[in-house]
Amino acid sequence: MKIGTAIAIYFLIWWIVLFVTLPIGVRTQSDEANIVSGTEPGAPVSPMLRKKAILTTMISTVIFLVFWGIRASGVSLEMALKAMPF
């Protein structure tokens, strides 16, 4: 796999995982009963973006390494499907 392709795949995995991790642990202003005037009641009180970016990077790295390991081993999609019992 070329480096450009690997970076693009990691980038896609990272963004998908980010959108999965964004709602984790979010407390809205209406949940906290502290709605700031002029804002959406569903807006997060503390989005914890730094923590979620770090979590996203760790999860994405594991997923990418598994993908890269399978790809480097020479297993193809056809081989994997033939090995399925159904």
Protein backbone atom coordinates (compact mmCIF):
# COMPACT_ATOMS: atom_id res chain seq x y z
CA MET A 1 0.00 0.00 0.00
CA LYS A 2 1.38 3.39 -0.95
CA ILE A 3 1.83 6.04 1.74
CA GLY A 4 -0.73 8.38 0.17
CA THR A 5 -3.34 5.65 0.12
CA ALA A 6 -2.58 4.73 3.74
CA ILE A 7 -2.94 8.35 4.86
CA ALA A 8 -6.23 8.71 2.99
CA ILE A 9 -7.63 5.52 4.54
CA TYR A 10 -6.51 6.58 8.04
CA PHE A 11 -8.08 10.01 7.48
CA LEU A 12 -11.42 8.43 6.51
CA ILE A 13 -11.34 6.03 9.46
CA TRP A 14 -10.49 8.93 11.82
CA TRP A 15 -13.45 11.05 10.67
CA ILE A 16 -15.91 8.16 10.87
CA VAL A 17 -14.74 7.29 14.38
CA LEU A 18 -14.91 10.98 15.38
CA PHE A 19 -18.58 11.14 14.47
CA VAL A 20 -19.18 7.99 16.50
CA THR A 21 -17.40 9.38 19.59
CA LEU A 22 -18.85 12.90 19.53
CA PRO A 23 -22.13 12.08 21.32
CA ILE A 24 -20.43 10.06 24.09
CA GLY A 25 -20.89 11.68 27.50
CA VAL A 26 -22.50 14.89 26.23
CA ARG A 27 -24.54 16.84 28.74
CA THR A 28 -26.80 19.47 27.19
CA GLN A 29 -27.77 22.80 28.67
CA SER A 30 -31.30 21.51 29.23
CA ASP A 31 -29.91 18.44 31.04
CA GLU A 32 -27.97 20.72 33.37
CA ALA A 33 -30.93 23.15 33.76
CA ASN A 34 -28.57 26.01 32.91
CA ILE A 35 -29.73 27.41 29.57
CA VAL A 36 -27.78 30.48 28.46
CA SER A 37 -30.06 33.12 26.96
CA GLY A 38 -29.94 33.17 23.16
CA THR A 39 -28.48 29.66 22.75
CA GLU A 40 -29.96 26.33 21.76
CA PRO A 41 -31.08 24.30 24.81
CA GLY A 42 -29.61 21.19 23.19
CA ALA A 43 -26.13 22.72 22.95
CA PRO A 44 -23.49 20.84 24.94
CA VAL A 45 -22.29 22.34 28.20
CA SER A 46 -18.79 20.93 27.79
CA PRO A 47 -18.14 19.07 24.51
CA MET A 48 -14.74 17.67 25.68
CA LEU A 49 -13.32 17.91 22.15
CA ARG A 50 -9.68 17.39 23.16
CA LYS A 51 -10.49 14.18 25.05
CA LYS A 52 -12.63 12.94 22.15
CA ALA A 53 -9.91 13.75 19.60
CA ILE A 54 -7.41 11.71 21.61
CA LEU A 55 -9.89 8.83 22.00
CA THR A 56 -10.67 9.02 18.27
CA THR A 57 -6.97 8.88 17.40
CA MET A 58 -6.39 5.83 19.59
CA ILE A 59 -9.40 3.92 18.25
CA SER A 60 -8.61 4.88 14.64
CA THR A 61 -5.02 3.76 14.99
CA VAL A 62 -6.09 0.33 16.23
CA ILE A 63 -8.64 -0.04 13.43
CA PHE A 64 -6.10 1.08 10.82
CA LEU A 65 -3.42 -1.29 12.13
CA VAL A 66 -5.85 -4.21 11.97
CA PHE A 67 -6.79 -3.19 8.42
CA TRP A 68 -3.14 -2.80 7.44
CA GLY A 69 -2.23 -6.16 8.99
CA ILE A 70 -4.96 -7.96 7.09
CA ARG A 71 -4.01 -6.15 3.88
CA ALA A 72 -0.29 -6.93 4.35
CA SER A 73 -1.00 -10.60 5.04
CA GLY A 74 -2.33 -11.02 1.52
CA VAL A 75 -5.87 -11.98 2.52
CA SER A 76 -8.33 -10.76 -0.07
CA LEU A 77 -12.05 -10.19 0.25
CA GLU A 78 -12.71 -13.20 -1.94
CA MET A 79 -10.55 -15.41 0.30
CA ALA A 80 -12.34 -14.18 3.41
CA LEU A 81 -15.77 -14.79 1.90
CA LYS A 82 -14.84 -18.32 0.83
CA ALA A 83 -13.76 -19.09 4.40
CA MET A 84 -17.16 -18.07 5.79
CA PRO A 85 -19.29 -21.04 6.88
CA PHE A 86 -22.51 -19.72 5.31
